[in-house]
C-alpha atoms as a PDB file:
ATOM      1  CA  MET A   1     -30.610 -10.448  30.112  1.00  0.00           C
ATOM      2  CA  SER A   2     -31.032  -6.848  28.865  1.00  0.00           C
ATOM      3  CA  VAL A   3     -30.782  -5.317  25.419  1.00  0.00           C
ATOM      4  CA  GLU A   4     -28.688  -2.297  24.389  1.00  0.00           C
ATOM      5  CA  LYS A   5     -28.758  -0.494  21.047  1.00  0.00           C
ATOM      6  CA  THR A   6     -25.741   1.526  19.895  1.00  0.00           C
ATOM      7  CA  ASN A   7     -25.494   4.707  17.829  1.00  0.00           C
ATOM      8  CA  THR A   8     -24.642   2.628  14.738  1.00  0.00           C
ATOM      9  CA  GLY A   9     -27.766   0.492  15.091  1.00  0.00           C
ATOM     10  CA  THR A  10     -26.111  -2.635  16.489  1.00  0.00           C
ATOM     11  CA  THR A  11     -28.146  -4.434  19.129  1.00  0.00           C
ATOM     12  CA  TYR A  12     -26.283  -6.063  22.010  1.00  0.00           C
ATOM     13  CA  ASN A  13     -27.667  -8.587  24.439  1.00  0.00           C
ATOM     14  CA  ILE A  14     -25.973  -7.911  27.782  1.00  0.00           C
ATOM     15  CA  GLN A  15     -25.143 -11.105  29.743  1.00  0.00           C
ATOM     16  CA  ASP A  16     -25.207 -11.441  33.544  1.00  0.00           C
ATOM     17  CA  ASP A  17     -21.362 -11.318  33.699  1.00  0.00           C
ATOM     18  CA  GLY A  18     -21.307  -7.927  31.904  1.00  0.00           C
ATOM     19  CA  SER A  19     -20.200  -9.229  28.512  1.00  0.00           C
ATOM     20  CA  LYS A  20     -22.176  -8.381  25.407  1.00  0.00           C
ATOM     21  CA  VAL A  21     -23.377 -10.694  22.657  1.00  0.00           C
ATOM     22  CA  ILE A  22     -24.459  -9.689  19.185  1.00  0.00           C
ATOM     23  CA  ALA A  23     -27.299 -12.058  18.340  1.00  0.00           C
ATOM     24  CA  SER A  24     -27.046 -14.393  15.356  1.00  0.00           C
ATOM     25  CA  THR A  25     -28.493 -13.075  12.086  1.00  0.00           C
ATOM     26  CA  ARG A  26     -29.623 -14.626   8.844  1.00  0.00           C
ATOM     27  CA  ARG A  27     -27.698 -13.915   5.626  1.00  0.00           C
ATOM     28  CA  PRO A  28     -29.549 -13.246   2.352  1.00  0.00           C
ATOM     29  CA  ASP A  29     -28.718 -16.765   1.139  1.00  0.00           C
ATOM     30  CA  GLY A  30     -30.456 -18.285   4.180  1.00  0.00           C
ATOM     31  CA  THR A  31     -27.432 -19.341   6.253  1.00  0.00           C
ATOM     32  CA  LEU A  32     -26.972 -18.143   9.852  1.00  0.00           C
ATOM     33  CA  ARG A  33     -24.165 -16.014  11.200  1.00  0.00           C
ATOM     34  CA  LYS A  34     -22.784 -17.094  14.570  1.00  0.00           C
ATOM     35  CA  PRO A  35     -23.495 -14.875  17.585  1.00  0.00           C
ATOM     36  CA  ILE A  36     -20.505 -12.624  18.368  1.00  0.00           C
ATOM     37  CA  ARG A  37     -19.313 -12.363  21.971  1.00  0.00           C
ATOM     38  CA  VAL A  38     -17.921  -8.927  22.944  1.00  0.00           C
ATOM     39  CA  ARG A  39     -15.778  -8.571  26.073  1.00  0.00           C
ATOM     40  CA  ALA A  40     -17.064  -6.443  28.945  1.00  0.00           C
ATOM     41  CA  GLY A  41     -16.028  -2.805  28.540  1.00  0.00           C
ATOM     42  CA  TYR A  42     -14.956  -3.186  24.875  1.00  0.00           C
ATOM     43  CA  THR A  43     -16.290  -0.648  22.393  1.00  0.00           C
ATOM     44  CA  PRO A  44     -15.807  -1.394  18.685  1.00  0.00           C
ATOM     45  CA  LEU A  45     -13.951   1.231  16.660  1.00  0.00           C
ATOM     46  CA  GLU A  46     -16.957   2.076  14.523  1.00  0.00           C
ATOM     47  CA  GLU A  47     -18.858   3.088  17.666  1.00  0.00           C
ATOM     48  CA  ASN A  48     -16.182   5.397  19.039  1.00  0.00           C
ATOM     49  CA  LEU A  49     -17.109   9.000  18.394  1.00  0.00           C
ATOM     50  CA  TYR A  50     -14.507  11.695  17.896  1.00  0.00           C
ATOM     51  CA  LYS A  51     -15.334  14.801  19.866  1.00  0.00           C
ATOM     52  CA  GLY A  52     -13.353  17.717  18.502  1.00  0.00           C
ATOM     53  CA  PRO A  53     -12.443  20.896  20.355  1.00  0.00           C
ATOM     54  CA  ASP A  54     -15.679  22.645  19.351  1.00  0.00           C
ATOM     55  CA  VAL A  55     -17.845  19.867  20.783  1.00  0.00           C
ATOM     56  CA  GLN A  56     -15.763  19.713  23.953  1.00  0.00           C
ATOM     57  CA  GLN A  57     -15.993  23.484  24.411  1.00  0.00           C
ATOM     58  CA  LYS A  58     -19.765  23.430  23.977  1.00  0.00           C
ATOM     59  CA  ALA A  59     -20.045  20.647  26.544  1.00  0.00           C
ATOM     60  CA  LYS A  60     -18.026  22.699  29.048  1.00  0.00           C
ATOM     61  CA  SER A  61     -19.995  25.910  28.509  1.00  0.00           C
ATOM     62  CA  GLY A  62     -23.089  24.659  30.316  1.00  0.00           C
ATOM     63  CA  PHE A  63     -25.387  26.616  28.000  1.00  0.00           C
ATOM     64  CA  PRO A  64     -27.861  24.993  25.615  1.00  0.00           C
ATOM     65  CA  PRO A  65     -26.806  24.776  21.950  1.00  0.00           C
ATOM     66  CA  GLY A  66     -27.243  28.073  20.118  1.00  0.00           C
ATOM     67  CA  PHE A  67     -27.482  30.165  23.295  1.00  0.00           C
ATOM     68  CA  GLN A  68     -25.042  33.052  23.423  1.00  0.00           C
ATOM     69  CA  PRO A  69     -24.552  34.794  26.758  1.00  0.00           C
ATOM     70  CA  ASP A  70     -24.495  38.593  26.958  1.00  0.00           C
ATOM     71  CA  GLU A  71     -21.256  40.295  25.918  1.00  0.00           C
ATOM     72  CA  PRO A  72     -20.716  41.981  29.333  1.00  0.00           C
ATOM     73  CA  ALA A  73     -20.745  38.573  31.004  1.00  0.00           C
ATOM     74  CA  LYS A  74     -18.010  37.391  28.644  1.00  0.00           C
ATOM     75  CA  ALA A  75     -15.997  40.540  29.296  1.00  0.00           C
ATOM     76  CA  GLN A  76     -16.134  39.908  33.056  1.00  0.00           C
ATOM     77  CA  GLN A  77     -14.893  36.336  32.614  1.00  0.00           C
ATOM     78  CA  LYS A  78     -11.836  37.359  30.583  1.00  0.00           C
ATOM     79  CA  LYS A  79      -8.927  38.910  32.418  1.00  0.00           C
ATOM     80  CA  PRO A  80      -7.507  42.052  30.842  1.00  0.00           C
ATOM     81  CA  LYS A  81      -4.028  41.576  29.428  1.00  0.00           C
ATOM     82  CA  GLU A  82      -1.298  44.084  30.096  1.00  0.00           C
ATOM     83  CA  LYS A  83       0.039  45.683  26.967  1.00  0.00           C
ATOM     84  CA  LYS A  84       3.765  46.077  26.591  1.00  0.00           C
ATOM     85  CA  GLU A  85       4.924  49.451  25.412  1.00  0.00           C
ATOM     86  CA  PRO A  86       7.166  49.282  22.350  1.00  0.00           C
ATOM     87  CA  LYS A  87      10.715  50.527  22.776  1.00  0.00           C
ATOM     88  CA  PRO A  88      11.427  53.756  20.911  1.00  0.00           C
ATOM     89  CA  LYS A  89      13.688  53.249  17.937  1.00  0.00           C
ATOM     90  CA  GLU A  90      16.833  55.308  17.718  1.00  0.00           C
ATOM     91  CA  PRO A  91      17.085  57.225  14.457  1.00  0.00           C
ATOM     92  CA  THR A  92      20.082  56.271  12.355  1.00  0.00           C
ATOM     93  CA  PRO A  93      21.667  58.916  10.156  1.00  0.00           C
ATOM     94  CA  PRO A  94      21.838  58.077   6.465  1.00  0.00           C
ATOM     95  CA  ALA A  95      25.281  57.025   5.259  1.00  0.00           C
ATOM     96  CA  THR A  96      26.452  59.260   2.445  1.00  0.00           C
ATOM     97  CA  SER A  97      30.213  58.769   2.495  1.00  0.00           C
ATOM     98  CA  LYS A  98      32.760  56.148   3.507  1.00  0.00           C
ATOM     99  CA  ALA A  99      33.530  58.041   6.727  1.00  0.00           C
ATOM    100  CA  ALA A 100      29.852  58.017   7.652  1.00  0.00           C
ATOM    101  CA  HIS A 101      29.689  54.333   6.693  1.00  0.00           C
ATOM    102  CA  LYS A 102      32.547  53.411   9.047  1.00  0.00           C
ATOM    103  CA  GLU A 103      31.149  55.257  12.084  1.00  0.00           C
ATOM    104  CA  PRO A 104      28.348  52.714  12.803  1.00  0.00           C
ATOM    105  CA  GLU A 105      30.905  49.892  12.844  1.00  0.00           C
ATOM    106  CA  ALA A 106      32.564  51.116  16.059  1.00  0.00           C
ATOM    107  CA  PRO A 107      29.446  50.552  18.219  1.00  0.00           C
ATOM    108  CA  VAL A 108      29.037  47.135  16.637  1.00  0.00           C
ATOM    109  CA  ALA A 109      32.537  46.169  17.774  1.00  0.00           C
ATOM    110  CA  GLU A 110      31.793  47.522  21.265  1.00  0.00           C
ATOM    111  CA  ALA A 111      28.513  45.596  21.386  1.00  0.00           C
ATOM    112  CA  ALA A 112      30.306  42.409  20.359  1.00  0.00           C
ATOM    113  CA  ALA A 113      32.988  42.853  23.060  1.00  0.00           C
ATOM    114  CA  PRO A 114      30.773  41.709  25.980  1.00  0.00           C
ATOM    115  CA  ALA A 115      30.362  38.336  24.265  1.00  0.00           C
ATOM    116  CA  ALA A 116      32.603  35.558  25.515  1.00  0.00           C
ATOM    117  CA  PRO A 117      36.157  36.308  24.368  1.00  0.00           C
ATOM    118  CA  GLU A 118      36.618  32.764  23.084  1.00  0.00           C
ATOM    119  CA  LYS A 119      33.616  33.087  20.800  1.00  0.00           C
ATOM    120  CA  ARG A 120      34.675  36.523  19.582  1.00  0.00           C
ATOM    121  CA  LEU A 121      38.177  35.208  18.862  1.00  0.00           C
ATOM    122  CA  ARG A 122      36.772  32.278  16.890  1.00  0.00           C
ATOM    123  CA  ASN A 123      34.572  34.623  14.822  1.00  0.00           C
ATOM    124  CA  LEU A 124      37.490  36.938  14.110  1.00  0.00           C
ATOM    125  CA  ARG A 125      39.636  34.025  12.960  1.00  0.00           C
ATOM    126  CA  LYS A 126      36.851  33.011  10.580  1.00  0.00           C
ATOM    127  CA  LYS A 127      36.862  36.562   9.209  1.00  0.00           C
ATOM    128  CA  LEU A 128      40.617  36.367   8.714  1.00  0.00           C
ATOM    129  CA  LEU A 129      40.182  33.100   6.828  1.00  0.00           C
ATOM    130  CA  ASP A 130      37.547  34.722   4.584  1.00  0.00           C
ATOM    131  CA  ILE A 131      39.829  37.689   3.979  1.00  0.00           C
ATOM    132  CA  SER A 132      42.750  35.446   3.002  1.00  0.00           C
ATOM    133  CA  ASN A 133      40.459  33.530   0.592  1.00  0.00           C
ATOM    134  CA  LEU A 134      39.368  36.818  -0.966  1.00  0.00           C
ATOM    135  CA  GLU A 135      42.999  37.951  -1.283  1.00  0.00           C
ATOM    136  CA  GLU A 136      43.853  34.701  -3.093  1.00  0.00           C
ATOM    137  CA  ARG A 137      40.940  35.197  -5.468  1.00  0.00           C
ATOM    138  CA  ALA A 138      42.022  38.797  -6.120  1.00  0.00           C
ATOM    139  CA  ALA A 139      45.585  37.611  -6.822  1.00  0.00           C
ATOM    140  CA  ASN A 140      44.383  34.927  -9.270  1.00  0.00           C
ATOM    141  CA  ASP A 141      41.492  36.711 -11.002  1.00  0.00           C
ATOM    142  CA  GLY A 142      42.400  40.351 -10.440  1.00  0.00           C
ATOM    143  CA  VAL A 143      41.043  42.969  -8.087  1.00  0.00           C
ATOM    144  CA  ASP A 144      38.100  43.612 -10.422  1.00  0.00           C
ATOM    145  CA  ALA A 145      36.749  40.116  -9.586  1.00  0.00           C
ATOM    146  CA  LEU A 146      35.812  41.331  -6.083  1.00  0.00           C
ATOM    147  CA  THR A 147      32.712  43.317  -5.208  1.00  0.00           C
ATOM    148  CA  PRO A 148      33.100  46.637  -3.397  1.00  0.00           C
ATOM    149  CA  GLU A 149      31.975  45.010  -0.140  1.00  0.00           C
ATOM    150  CA  GLN A 150      34.606  42.301  -0.529  1.00  0.00           C
ATOM    151  CA  ARG A 151      37.293  44.930  -1.180  1.00  0.00           C
ATOM    152  CA  GLU A 152      36.273  46.748   2.019  1.00  0.00           C
ATOM    153  CA  LYS A 153      36.512  43.453   3.891  1.00  0.00           C
ATOM    154  CA  VAL A 154      40.059  42.891   2.598  1.00  0.00           C
ATOM    155  CA  ALA A 155      40.983  46.478   3.547  1.00  0.00           C
ATOM    156  CA  ARG A 156      39.934  45.821   7.165  1.00  0.00           C
ATOM    157  CA  ARG A 157      42.434  42.978   7.608  1.00  0.00           C
ATOM    158  CA  ALA A 158      44.733  45.055   9.825  1.00  0.00           C
ATOM    159  CA  GLU A 159      41.832  46.042  12.113  1.00  0.00           C
ATOM    160  CA  VAL A 160      40.747  42.414  12.512  1.00  0.00           C
ATOM    161  CA  GLU A 161      44.304  41.229  13.202  1.00  0.00           C
ATOM    162  CA  ALA A 162      44.735  43.954  15.827  1.00  0.00           C
ATOM    163  CA  GLU A 163      41.502  42.907  17.522  1.00  0.00           C
ATOM    164  CA  VAL A 164      42.607  39.247  17.480  1.00  0.00           C
ATOM    165  CA  GLN A 165      45.880  40.183  19.208  1.00  0.00           C
ATOM    166  CA  GLU A 166      44.003  42.269  21.788  1.00  0.00           C
ATOM    167  CA  ILE A 167      41.625  39.420  22.638  1.00  0.00           C
ATOM    168  CA  GLU A 168      44.496  36.938  22.826  1.00  0.00           C
ATOM    169  CA  LYS A 169      46.203  39.252  25.366  1.00  0.00           C
ATOM    170  CA  GLN A 170      42.951  39.413  27.391  1.00  0.00           C
ATOM    171  CA  LEU A 171      42.650  35.627  27.393  1.00  0.00           C
ATOM    172  CA  ALA A 172      46.298  35.243  28.432  1.00  0.00           C
ATOM    173  CA  ALA A 173      45.718  37.676  31.313  1.00  0.00           C
ATOM    174  CA  LEU A 174      42.618  35.743  32.418  1.00  0.00           C
ATOM    175  CA  GLN A 175      44.494  32.445  32.452  1.00  0.00           C
ATOM    176  CA  LEU A 176      47.255  33.770  34.718  1.00  0.00           C
END
């Protein structure tokens, strides 16, 4: 029978079958505690040690604690990363009038065209619903109840309806 001491100070007597026994001890009042049998391979929770990422990294490094290898050796171990070049931004002209404000909208409509026609049609119908809600509010509360952006949205109703009809024609042609 051999003896093993843990990191918490507990002493185990190891049996021939591999199980461990914590020997009986005497309480302060003079009574005896029973010996505690521990199954083979079991480690009590209080003896489990958490090894965080820092400890694990130090164990993998192979260097003694506190030793720092030369910087060139570290540079050789790391692979250089390729840097991505940023895309140049296109300058946008400042909008000073309504005509200048409407010009950027045309490319937006062209950019949205490649999207699936069903999705574009659904989005346009939502816009039409918003426009009709704004028209109702303007009829009930007056035109002054709308913000300038909302008034512009209402003014674009014909454009949105025309685009809806165009997309519906495209979808009808695709289904044939």
